[in-house]
N, C-alpha and C. Protein backbone atom coordinates (compact mmCIF):
# COMPACT_ATOMS: atom_id res chain seq x y z
N MET A 1 0.54 -0.92 -0.03
CA MET A 1 0.04 0.23 -0.29
C MET A 1 0.82 1.27 -0.13
N LEU A 2 1.81 1.49 1.09
CA LEU A 2 2.44 2.48 0.85
C LEU A 2 3.68 2.23 0.12
N ARG A 3 4.08 1.32 -1.24
CA ARG A 3 4.29 1.77 -1.94
C ARG A 3 4.03 2.16 -3.07
N ARG A 4 2.72 1.75 -3.15
CA ARG A 4 1.75 2.25 -4.41
C ARG A 4 1.38 3.41 -4.01
N PHE A 5 1.38 4.02 -2.93
CA PHE A 5 1.12 5.47 -2.84
C PHE A 5 2.37 6.34 -3.28
N CYS A 6 3.54 6.10 -2.56
CA CYS A 6 4.59 6.87 -3.30
C CYS A 6 4.86 6.69 -4.34
N SER A 7 4.72 5.65 -5.17
CA SER A 7 5.19 5.47 -6.45
C SER A 7 3.94 6.34 -7.32
N TRP A 8 2.94 6.51 -6.89
CA TRP A 8 1.85 7.67 -7.53
C TRP A 8 2.15 8.49 -7.24
N LEU A 9 2.84 9.52 -6.28
CA LEU A 9 2.80 10.52 -5.63
C LEU A 9 4.51 11.08 -6.41
N LEU A 10 5.65 10.32 -6.30
CA LEU A 10 6.29 10.88 -7.27
C LEU A 10 6.22 10.52 -8.56
N TYR A 11 5.66 9.62 -9.39
CA TYR A 11 5.42 9.47 -10.42
C TYR A 11 4.31 10.05 -11.18
N LYS A 12 3.46 10.18 -10.92
CA LYS A 12 1.82 10.67 -11.50
C LYS A 12 1.93 11.99 -11.31
N HIS A 13 1.68 12.14 -9.54
CA HIS A 13 1.41 13.25 -9.29
C HIS A 13 2.06 14.31 -8.91
N LEU A 14 4.46 14.67 -8.45
CA LEU A 14 5.17 14.93 -8.91
C LEU A 14 5.70 15.10 -10.09
N GLY A 15 5.30 14.36 -11.00
CA GLY A 15 5.92 14.17 -12.40
C GLY A 15 6.99 13.58 -12.86
N TRP A 16 8.19 13.08 -11.46
CA TRP A 16 9.55 12.15 -11.62
C TRP A 16 9.17 11.09 -12.43
N LYS A 17 10.61 11.32 -13.16
CA LYS A 17 10.74 9.79 -14.16
C LYS A 17 11.91 9.24 -13.78
N LYS A 18 12.16 7.68 -13.82
CA LYS A 18 13.38 7.17 -13.74
C LYS A 18 14.21 6.30 -14.35
N ASN A 19 15.15 6.95 -14.70
CA ASN A 19 15.91 6.54 -15.80
C ASN A 19 16.89 5.38 -15.12
N VAL A 20 17.18 4.32 -14.99
CA VAL A 20 18.29 2.96 -13.97
C VAL A 20 18.23 1.95 -14.64
N SER A 21 19.61 1.86 -15.06
CA SER A 21 19.84 0.78 -16.13
C SER A 21 21.02 0.21 -15.09
N VAL A 22 21.87 0.13 -14.20
CA VAL A 22 22.42 -0.30 -13.16
C VAL A 22 21.87 -1.41 -12.20
N ASP A 23 22.53 -2.73 -12.56
CA ASP A 23 22.39 -3.99 -11.42
C ASP A 23 22.81 -3.41 -9.72
N HIS A 24 21.35 -3.44 -8.98
CA HIS A 24 21.82 -3.61 -7.43
C HIS A 24 21.80 -4.34 -6.61
N PRO A 25 23.28 -4.99 -6.93
CA PRO A 25 23.87 -6.33 -5.95
C PRO A 25 23.18 -5.92 -4.76
N ASP A 26 23.79 -7.08 -3.34
CA ASP A 26 23.26 -7.48 -2.53
C ASP A 26 24.22 -6.06 -1.66
N LYS A 27 25.22 -5.79 -2.11
CA LYS A 27 26.32 -4.70 -1.83
C LYS A 27 26.21 -3.74 -2.30
N TYR A 28 26.30 -2.39 -1.86
CA TYR A 28 26.81 -1.25 -2.84
C TYR A 28 26.29 0.52 -1.66
N ILE A 29 27.53 0.93 -2.11
CA ILE A 29 27.18 2.44 -1.80
C ILE A 29 26.52 3.28 -2.94
N ILE A 30 25.01 4.24 -2.49
CA ILE A 30 24.86 5.22 -3.36
C ILE A 30 25.89 6.44 -3.43
N CYS A 31 25.95 7.03 -4.50
CA CYS A 31 26.90 7.96 -4.27
C CYS A 31 26.07 9.21 -4.94
N LEU A 32 25.18 10.01 -4.29
CA LEU A 32 24.02 10.77 -4.46
C LEU A 32 23.90 11.74 -4.86
N ALA A 33 23.45 12.80 -6.06
CA ALA A 33 24.60 14.38 -6.08
C ALA A 33 23.45 15.01 -7.51
N PRO A 34 23.25 15.83 -7.88
CA PRO A 34 23.15 17.12 -6.71
C PRO A 34 22.38 17.13 -5.82
N HIS A 35 23.27 17.95 -4.20
CA HIS A 35 22.70 17.69 -3.21
C HIS A 35 22.49 19.25 -2.93
N THR A 36 21.08 19.96 -3.00
CA THR A 36 21.47 21.18 -2.89
C THR A 36 19.93 21.75 -2.14
N SER A 37 19.37 20.76 -1.72
CA SER A 37 17.75 21.15 -1.03
C SER A 37 17.52 19.82 -0.23
N ASN A 38 16.78 20.26 0.94
CA ASN A 38 15.92 19.23 1.86
C ASN A 38 15.29 18.59 1.26
N TRP A 39 14.58 18.70 0.12
CA TRP A 39 13.95 18.37 -1.25
C TRP A 39 14.58 17.38 -1.09
N ASP A 40 15.72 17.30 -1.64
CA ASP A 40 16.71 15.69 -2.25
C ASP A 40 15.99 14.49 -1.34
N PHE A 41 16.22 14.64 0.06
CA PHE A 41 15.94 13.79 0.73
C PHE A 41 14.63 13.40 0.79
N ALA A 42 13.71 14.07 0.67
CA ALA A 42 11.91 13.95 0.26
C ALA A 42 12.16 13.01 -0.71
N ILE A 43 12.68 13.75 -2.26
CA ILE A 43 12.11 12.87 -2.91
C ILE A 43 12.86 10.95 -2.96
N GLY A 44 14.19 11.55 -2.56
CA GLY A 44 14.91 10.00 -2.28
C GLY A 44 14.05 8.65 -1.81
N GLN A 45 13.58 9.58 -0.72
CA GLN A 45 12.99 8.79 0.03
C GLN A 45 11.51 7.81 -0.44
N LEU A 46 11.01 9.17 -1.34
CA LEU A 46 9.92 8.96 -2.00
C LEU A 46 10.34 7.49 -3.06
N TYR A 47 11.45 8.11 -3.78
CA TYR A 47 11.82 7.10 -4.79
C TYR A 47 12.57 5.49 -3.99
N ALA A 48 12.94 5.48 -2.96
CA ALA A 48 12.98 4.56 -2.60
C ALA A 48 11.91 3.60 -1.89
N LYS A 49 11.07 4.13 -1.76
CA LYS A 49 9.67 3.11 -1.17
C LYS A 49 8.99 3.13 -2.33
N ALA A 50 9.12 3.84 -3.55
CA ALA A 50 8.21 3.38 -4.34
C ALA A 50 9.12 2.38 -5.65
N GLU A 51 10.39 2.01 -5.40
CA GLU A 51 11.05 1.26 -5.95
C GLU A 51 11.25 -0.05 -5.11
N GLY A 52 11.02 -0.24 -3.72
CA GLY A 52 10.99 -0.70 -2.83
C GLY A 52 12.49 -0.96 -2.14
N LEU A 53 13.21 -0.04 -2.22
CA LEU A 53 14.96 -0.47 -2.01
C LEU A 53 15.33 0.39 -0.34
N LYS A 54 15.56 -0.49 -0.10
CA LYS A 54 15.95 0.09 1.46
C LYS A 54 17.70 0.45 1.85
N SER A 55 17.74 1.41 1.98
CA SER A 55 19.10 1.76 2.10
C SER A 55 19.23 3.03 3.45
N ASN A 56 20.35 2.61 4.25
CA ASN A 56 20.89 3.63 5.33
C ASN A 56 21.24 4.79 4.56
N PHE A 57 21.23 6.15 5.29
CA PHE A 57 21.76 7.44 4.77
C PHE A 57 22.76 7.82 6.08
N LEU A 58 23.47 8.75 5.46
CA LEU A 58 24.49 9.28 6.58
C LEU A 58 23.71 11.18 6.55
N MET A 59 23.97 11.62 7.41
CA MET A 59 22.72 12.65 8.22
C MET A 59 23.51 13.47 9.15
N LYS A 60 23.98 14.47 8.82
CA LYS A 60 24.71 15.20 10.30
C LYS A 60 23.83 15.02 11.47
N LYS A 61 24.85 14.78 12.64
CA LYS A 61 23.93 14.72 13.61
C LYS A 61 23.39 15.85 14.52
N GLU A 62 23.09 16.69 13.92
CA GLU A 62 22.13 17.99 14.55
C GLU A 62 20.90 17.49 13.71
N TRP A 63 19.96 16.86 13.02
CA TRP A 63 19.16 16.80 12.80
C TRP A 63 18.71 15.51 13.97
N PHE A 64 19.43 14.94 14.24
CA PHE A 64 18.67 13.52 15.46
C PHE A 64 18.50 14.19 16.71
N PHE A 65 17.53 14.95 16.96
CA PHE A 65 17.12 15.50 17.88
C PHE A 65 15.98 14.94 17.89
N TRP A 66 15.13 14.97 19.47
CA TRP A 66 14.29 14.62 20.04
C TRP A 66 12.56 15.49 18.94
N PRO A 67 12.04 15.05 18.50
CA PRO A 67 11.42 13.61 18.03
C PRO A 67 11.93 13.19 16.45
N LEU A 68 12.64 13.89 15.90
CA LEU A 68 13.01 13.48 14.74
C LEU A 68 13.84 12.47 15.04
N GLY A 69 15.50 12.37 15.95
CA GLY A 69 16.21 11.26 15.77
C GLY A 69 15.85 10.05 15.35
N SER A 70 14.71 9.78 16.16
CA SER A 70 14.21 8.30 16.55
C SER A 70 13.75 7.98 14.88
N VAL A 71 12.58 8.91 14.39
CA VAL A 71 12.53 8.68 13.05
C VAL A 71 13.65 8.68 12.11
N PHE A 72 14.62 9.27 11.56
CA PHE A 72 15.81 9.27 11.34
C PHE A 72 16.05 8.09 11.45
N ARG A 73 16.45 7.54 12.48
CA ARG A 73 17.63 6.42 13.04
C ARG A 73 16.21 4.89 12.30
N ALA A 74 14.97 5.09 12.44
CA ALA A 74 13.97 4.16 11.66
C ALA A 74 14.12 4.05 10.68
N MET A 75 14.45 5.07 9.85
CA MET A 75 14.41 5.58 8.35
C MET A 75 15.84 4.94 7.75
N GLY A 76 17.16 4.36 8.73
CA GLY A 76 17.88 4.48 8.47
C GLY A 76 19.40 5.29 8.35
N GLY A 77 18.90 6.46 9.24
CA GLY A 77 19.62 7.34 9.08
C GLY A 77 20.72 7.23 10.39
N ILE A 78 22.13 7.42 9.99
CA ILE A 78 23.08 7.30 10.72
C ILE A 78 23.60 8.92 11.04
N PRO A 79 23.73 9.08 12.13
CA PRO A 79 24.22 10.68 12.56
C PRO A 79 25.51 10.85 12.07
N VAL A 80 25.96 12.02 11.66
CA VAL A 80 27.89 12.21 11.09
C VAL A 80 28.20 12.96 12.22
N TRP A 81 29.17 13.06 12.96
CA TRP A 81 29.68 14.15 13.35
C TRP A 81 30.25 14.85 13.11
N ARG A 82 30.24 15.95 12.56
CA ARG A 82 31.45 16.53 11.45
C ARG A 82 32.52 17.02 11.87
N SER A 83 32.39 17.77 13.18
CA SER A 83 33.54 17.80 13.93
C SER A 83 34.95 17.41 14.26
N LYS A 84 34.04 16.32 14.15
CA LYS A 84 34.98 15.01 14.80
C LYS A 84 35.68 14.40 14.29
N HIS A 85 36.99 13.94 14.22
CA HIS A 85 37.84 12.92 13.49
C HIS A 85 37.53 11.59 13.72
N THR A 86 36.51 10.54 13.56
CA THR A 86 36.04 9.42 13.78
C THR A 86 36.73 8.65 12.93
N SER A 87 36.60 7.38 13.00
CA SER A 87 37.13 6.33 12.02
C SER A 87 35.87 5.66 11.22
N MET A 88 34.99 6.75 11.61
CA MET A 88 33.37 6.11 10.57
C MET A 88 33.77 5.03 9.03
N THR A 89 34.62 5.88 8.37
CA THR A 89 34.57 5.12 7.32
C THR A 89 35.51 3.76 7.46
N ASP A 90 36.62 3.49 8.43
CA ASP A 90 36.55 2.51 8.58
C ASP A 90 35.89 0.99 9.46
N ASN A 91 34.89 1.68 10.09
CA ASN A 91 33.80 1.14 10.78
C ASN A 91 32.87 0.95 9.45
N LEU A 92 32.11 1.82 8.99
CA LEU A 92 31.39 1.57 7.68
C LEU A 92 31.90 0.38 7.05
N ALA A 93 33.25 0.51 6.36
CA ALA A 93 33.60 -0.39 5.35
C ALA A 93 33.79 -1.74 6.16
N ASN A 94 34.26 -1.94 7.69
CA ASN A 94 34.06 -3.26 7.96
C ASN A 94 32.60 -3.78 8.42
N GLU A 95 31.90 -3.18 8.89
CA GLU A 95 30.43 -3.91 8.38
C GLU A 95 29.95 -3.86 7.29
N ALA A 96 30.20 -3.17 6.19
CA ALA A 96 29.78 -3.35 4.86
C ALA A 96 30.52 -4.69 4.36
N SER A 97 31.82 -5.32 4.74
CA SER A 97 32.77 -6.07 4.60
C SER A 97 31.67 -7.98 5.38
N LYS A 98 31.70 -7.66 6.69
CA LYS A 98 30.49 -8.66 7.07
C LYS A 98 29.08 -8.85 7.24
N ALA A 99 29.01 -8.00 6.36
CA ALA A 99 27.10 -8.01 6.08
C ALA A 99 26.87 -8.69 5.07
N SER A 100 25.61 -9.38 4.90
CA SER A 100 25.17 -9.96 3.97
C SER A 100 24.72 -9.32 2.66
N VAL A 101 24.32 -7.85 3.43
CA VAL A 101 23.63 -6.92 2.66
C VAL A 101 23.46 -5.87 2.95
N PHE A 102 24.31 -5.11 2.76
CA PHE A 102 24.69 -3.32 2.78
C PHE A 102 24.55 -2.39 1.75
N HIS A 103 23.43 -1.72 1.98
CA HIS A 103 23.13 -0.53 1.25
C HIS A 103 23.25 0.95 1.75
N LEU A 104 24.64 1.76 1.24
CA LEU A 104 24.20 3.05 2.03
C LEU A 104 24.31 4.26 0.92
N CYS A 105 23.58 5.33 0.88
CA CYS A 105 23.41 6.58 0.05
C CYS A 105 24.21 7.74 0.63
N ILE A 106 25.27 8.00 0.45
CA ILE A 106 25.96 9.33 0.59
C ILE A 106 25.86 10.40 0.07
N THR A 107 26.08 11.48 -0.17
CA THR A 107 25.99 12.62 -0.92
C THR A 107 27.54 13.25 -0.38
N PRO A 108 27.90 13.24 -1.90
CA PRO A 108 29.46 13.72 -1.53
C PRO A 108 29.81 14.91 -1.08
N GLU A 109 29.12 15.66 -1.81
CA GLU A 109 29.44 17.48 -1.23
C GLU A 109 29.59 17.59 0.20
N GLY A 110 28.64 16.51 0.99
CA GLY A 110 28.83 16.47 2.61
C GLY A 110 27.89 18.12 3.02
N THR A 111 27.52 19.21 2.04
CA THR A 111 26.56 19.73 2.38
C THR A 111 25.57 20.46 1.35
N ARG A 112 24.37 20.73 1.42
CA ARG A 112 23.75 21.45 0.59
C ARG A 112 24.33 22.89 -0.03
N SER A 113 25.13 23.42 0.64
CA SER A 113 26.16 25.13 0.00
C SER A 113 26.83 24.60 -1.06
N LEU A 114 27.55 25.25 -1.89
CA LEU A 114 28.13 24.87 -2.85
C LEU A 114 29.88 24.64 -2.51
N ASN A 115 30.46 23.63 -2.93
CA ASN A 115 31.40 22.93 -2.55
C ASN A 115 31.89 21.72 -3.83
N PRO A 116 33.20 22.65 -3.83
CA PRO A 116 34.16 21.88 -4.91
C PRO A 116 34.60 20.64 -4.27
N GLU A 117 35.38 21.05 -3.31
CA GLU A 117 35.79 19.72 -2.88
C GLU A 117 34.84 18.66 -2.30
N TRP A 118 34.97 17.36 -2.85
CA TRP A 118 33.84 16.71 -2.31
C TRP A 118 34.71 15.86 -1.75
N LYS A 119 33.72 15.03 -0.36
CA LYS A 119 33.88 14.18 0.67
C LYS A 119 34.59 12.77 -0.32
N LYS A 120 35.45 12.11 0.13
CA LYS A 120 35.51 11.07 -0.52
C LYS A 120 35.32 9.44 -0.03
N GLY A 121 34.63 10.28 1.25
CA GLY A 121 34.58 8.83 2.58
C GLY A 121 33.86 7.29 1.76
N PHE A 122 32.91 7.42 1.05
CA PHE A 122 31.89 7.10 0.23
C PHE A 122 32.74 5.91 -1.13
N TYR A 123 33.83 7.02 -1.46
CA TYR A 123 34.84 6.46 -2.07
C TYR A 123 35.68 5.17 -1.53
N PHE A 124 36.12 5.60 -0.03
CA PHE A 124 37.15 4.65 0.86
C PHE A 124 36.36 3.59 1.32
N ILE A 125 34.49 3.90 1.89
CA ILE A 125 34.39 2.43 2.02
C ILE A 125 34.17 1.49 0.78
N ALA A 126 33.87 1.87 -0.18
CA ALA A 126 33.55 0.82 -1.04
C ALA A 126 34.89 0.07 -1.72
N MET A 127 35.70 1.17 -1.74
CA MET A 127 37.32 0.01 -1.55
C MET A 127 37.66 -0.97 -1.02
N LYS A 128 37.36 -0.26 0.37
CA LYS A 128 37.78 -1.12 1.41
C LYS A 128 37.10 -2.43 1.56
N ALA A 129 35.75 -2.03 1.60
CA ALA A 129 34.74 -3.57 1.49
C ALA A 129 34.81 -4.23 -0.04
N GLU A 130 35.17 -3.54 -0.89
CA GLU A 130 35.76 -4.18 -2.46
C GLU A 130 33.91 -3.85 -2.52
N ILE A 131 33.13 -3.11 -2.59
CA ILE A 131 31.99 -3.04 -3.19
C ILE A 131 31.49 -2.02 -4.09
N PRO A 132 30.78 -2.37 -5.22
CA PRO A 132 30.48 -1.06 -6.34
C PRO A 132 29.95 0.36 -5.88
N ILE A 133 29.99 1.26 -6.22
CA ILE A 133 29.64 2.53 -6.08
C ILE A 133 28.32 2.69 -7.06
N LEU A 134 26.84 3.12 -7.06
CA LEU A 134 26.07 3.37 -7.87
C LEU A 134 25.97 4.95 -7.97
N LEU A 135 25.86 5.51 -9.20
CA LEU A 135 26.17 7.03 -9.08
C LEU A 135 24.87 7.31 -9.67
N TYR A 136 23.83 7.79 -8.50
CA TYR A 136 22.54 8.21 -8.63
C TYR A 136 22.53 9.95 -8.88
N GLY A 137 21.77 10.28 -9.65
CA GLY A 137 21.83 11.83 -10.36
C GLY A 137 20.51 12.00 -10.09
N LEU A 138 20.22 13.45 -9.50
CA LEU A 138 18.70 14.17 -9.39
C LEU A 138 18.58 15.28 -10.31
N ASP A 139 17.80 15.22 -10.90
CA ASP A 139 18.03 16.35 -12.36
C ASP A 139 16.41 17.34 -12.13
N TYR A 140 16.23 17.87 -11.36
CA TYR A 140 15.12 18.57 -11.01
C TYR A 140 14.56 19.29 -12.22
N LYS A 141 15.57 19.52 -12.95
CA LYS A 141 14.99 20.51 -14.39
C LYS A 141 14.15 19.13 -15.50
N LYS A 142 15.07 18.55 -15.34
CA LYS A 142 14.38 16.78 -16.44
C LYS A 142 13.00 16.15 -15.33
N LYS A 143 13.48 16.50 -14.01
CA LYS A 143 12.67 15.84 -13.09
C LYS A 143 12.90 14.05 -13.74
N THR A 144 14.12 13.64 -13.41
CA THR A 144 14.79 12.75 -13.62
C THR A 144 15.57 12.29 -12.30
N ILE A 145 15.35 11.12 -11.68
CA ILE A 145 16.36 10.05 -11.22
C ILE A 145 17.06 9.52 -11.86
N GLN A 146 18.18 9.49 -11.50
CA GLN A 146 19.05 8.61 -13.01
C GLN A 146 20.29 7.81 -12.36
N CYS A 147 20.32 6.42 -12.72
CA CYS A 147 21.91 5.94 -12.39
C CYS A 147 21.79 4.78 -13.20
N THR A 148 22.65 5.30 -14.18
CA THR A 148 22.97 4.44 -15.68
C THR A 148 24.91 4.17 -15.14
N LYS A 149 25.23 4.10 -14.39
CA LYS A 149 27.24 4.07 -13.92
C LYS A 149 27.09 3.90 -12.77
N SER A 150 27.97 2.50 -12.62
CA SER A 150 28.35 2.15 -11.39
C SER A 150 30.12 1.51 -11.08
N LEU A 151 30.82 1.83 -10.32
CA LEU A 151 31.93 1.48 -10.75
C LEU A 151 32.68 0.81 -9.10
N ILE A 152 33.60 0.02 -9.20
CA ILE A 152 34.31 -0.47 -8.06
C ILE A 152 35.99 0.20 -8.36
N PRO A 153 35.77 0.84 -6.55
CA PRO A 153 37.32 1.84 -7.01
C PRO A 153 38.29 0.78 -6.93
N THR A 154 39.46 1.11 -7.54
CA THR A 154 40.78 0.35 -7.56
C THR A 154 42.15 1.19 -6.92
N GLY A 155 41.51 2.39 -6.53
CA GLY A 155 42.54 2.73 -5.59
C GLY A 155 43.16 4.42 -6.27
N ASN A 156 42.73 4.03 -7.26
CA ASN A 156 43.12 5.09 -8.30
C ASN A 156 42.33 6.46 -8.20
N LEU A 157 42.20 6.91 -6.78
CA LEU A 157 41.39 8.16 -6.20
C LEU A 157 41.29 9.37 -7.27
N GLU A 158 42.61 9.50 -7.96
CA GLU A 158 42.50 11.18 -8.62
C GLU A 158 41.45 10.94 -9.96
N GLU A 159 41.72 9.73 -10.76
CA GLU A 159 41.52 9.56 -12.05
C GLU A 159 39.44 9.17 -11.86
N GLU A 160 39.28 7.95 -10.93
CA GLU A 160 38.05 7.74 -10.06
C GLU A 160 37.32 8.78 -9.98
N MET A 161 37.61 9.50 -8.93
CA MET A 161 36.76 10.64 -8.57
C MET A 161 36.88 11.60 -9.98
N LYS A 162 37.59 11.72 -10.61
CA LYS A 162 37.03 13.06 -12.06
C LYS A 162 36.02 11.86 -12.92
N GLU A 163 36.27 10.89 -12.79
CA GLU A 163 34.91 9.93 -13.65
C GLU A 163 33.69 10.13 -12.89
N ILE A 164 33.86 10.05 -11.38
CA ILE A 164 32.66 9.60 -10.89
C ILE A 164 31.81 11.71 -10.72
N LYS A 165 32.35 12.72 -10.77
CA LYS A 165 32.15 14.20 -10.57
C LYS A 165 32.11 14.34 -12.26
N LEU A 166 32.75 14.17 -13.00
CA LEU A 166 32.11 14.38 -14.61
C LEU A 166 30.88 13.52 -14.90
N TYR A 167 30.38 12.07 -14.47
CA TYR A 167 29.16 11.90 -14.51
C TYR A 167 28.01 12.50 -13.90
N PHE A 168 28.23 13.67 -13.14
CA PHE A 168 27.01 14.60 -12.56
C PHE A 168 27.40 16.06 -13.14
N LYS A 169 28.17 15.84 -14.44
CA LYS A 169 28.19 17.25 -14.45
C LYS A 169 27.04 18.25 -14.78
N ASP A 170 26.19 17.43 -15.54
CA ASP A 170 24.84 17.91 -16.01
C ASP A 170 23.59 17.65 -15.68
N PHE A 171 24.02 17.39 -14.31
CA PHE A 171 22.25 17.93 -13.30
C PHE A 171 22.25 18.51 -12.80
N LYS A 172 20.98 19.07 -12.60
CA LYS A 172 20.59 20.41 -12.25
C LYS A 172 19.93 19.87 -11.15
N GLY A 173 20.46 20.62 -9.83
CA GLY A 173 19.63 20.52 -8.47
C GLY A 173 18.68 21.62 -8.47
N LYS A 174 17.88 21.34 -7.51
CA LYS A 174 16.82 22.27 -7.18
C LYS A 174 17.33 23.43 -7.10
N HIS A 175 18.85 23.46 -6.49
CA HIS A 175 19.10 25.11 -6.42
C HIS A 175 20.81 24.82 -7.30
N PRO A 176 20.45 25.04 -8.65
CA PRO A 176 21.62 24.82 -9.56
C PRO A 176 23.41 25.42 -8.88
N GLU A 177 23.08 26.62 -8.79
CA GLU A 177 23.83 27.50 -8.14
C GLU A 177 24.83 26.86 -7.31
N LYS A 178 23.76 26.28 -6.16
CA LYS A 178 24.53 25.33 -5.32
C LYS A 178 25.20 24.56 -5.75
N PHE A 179 25.45 23.87 -6.69
CA PHE A 179 26.47 22.84 -7.38
C PHE A 179 27.70 22.84 -8.21
N THR A 180 28.21 21.82 -7.21
CA THR A 180 29.49 22.31 -8.68
C THR A 180 30.39 20.72 -8.98
N ILE A 181 31.43 20.65 -9.62
CA ILE A 181 31.67 19.64 -9.56
C ILE A 181 33.34 19.82 -9.17
N GLY A 182 33.53 21.25 -9.17
CA GLY A 182 35.01 21.79 -9.12
C GLY A 182 35.53 21.39 -10.18
N THR A 183 36.77 21.92 -9.85
CA THR A 183 38.04 21.70 -11.30
C THR A 183 38.36 20.55 -11.32
N ILE A 184 37.94 20.32 -12.80
CA ILE A 184 38.43 19.11 -13.37
C ILE A 184 39.98 19.35 -14.21
N ASP A 185 41.04 18.56 -14.34
CA ASP A 185 42.44 19.06 -14.82
C ASP A 185 41.98 17.63 -15.82
């Protein structure tokens, strides 16, 4: 019932489309961009429910106050303390390696503000756990959710981050002025 409602709301009522041609194995990291608005979360959650996908996600710890904290945790939220240097990447990679199913969504910009220096934690988690990164783009101009590329990191960080960023270069976020892939050499 919830799945049908979310599908109707996202695709029929709101007019979004999907262009997803990548297999979703038992373990993966979703690299989702652009992230320019809190609406990205709502669209992502509608999409996940409409498609029957369950994924954990990282979110800044400030959102985990009562009563929202309990709701976000129940939805799969994992709080991130951005001011502390923790071993979250290593812990998540270890968890991914041990688990039979592991799905984690990360926004590489790490913020809804303009940020040319993307976070690389998603890359290192996937590399250490030897799982693929699925590149998911939200294009508000075309109202399309797209995933047509995935990769398994090899450790060639510079080249593969360039490849990842170039995948997202034409996507238009809700606030396009807040999105950049930075300088690509």
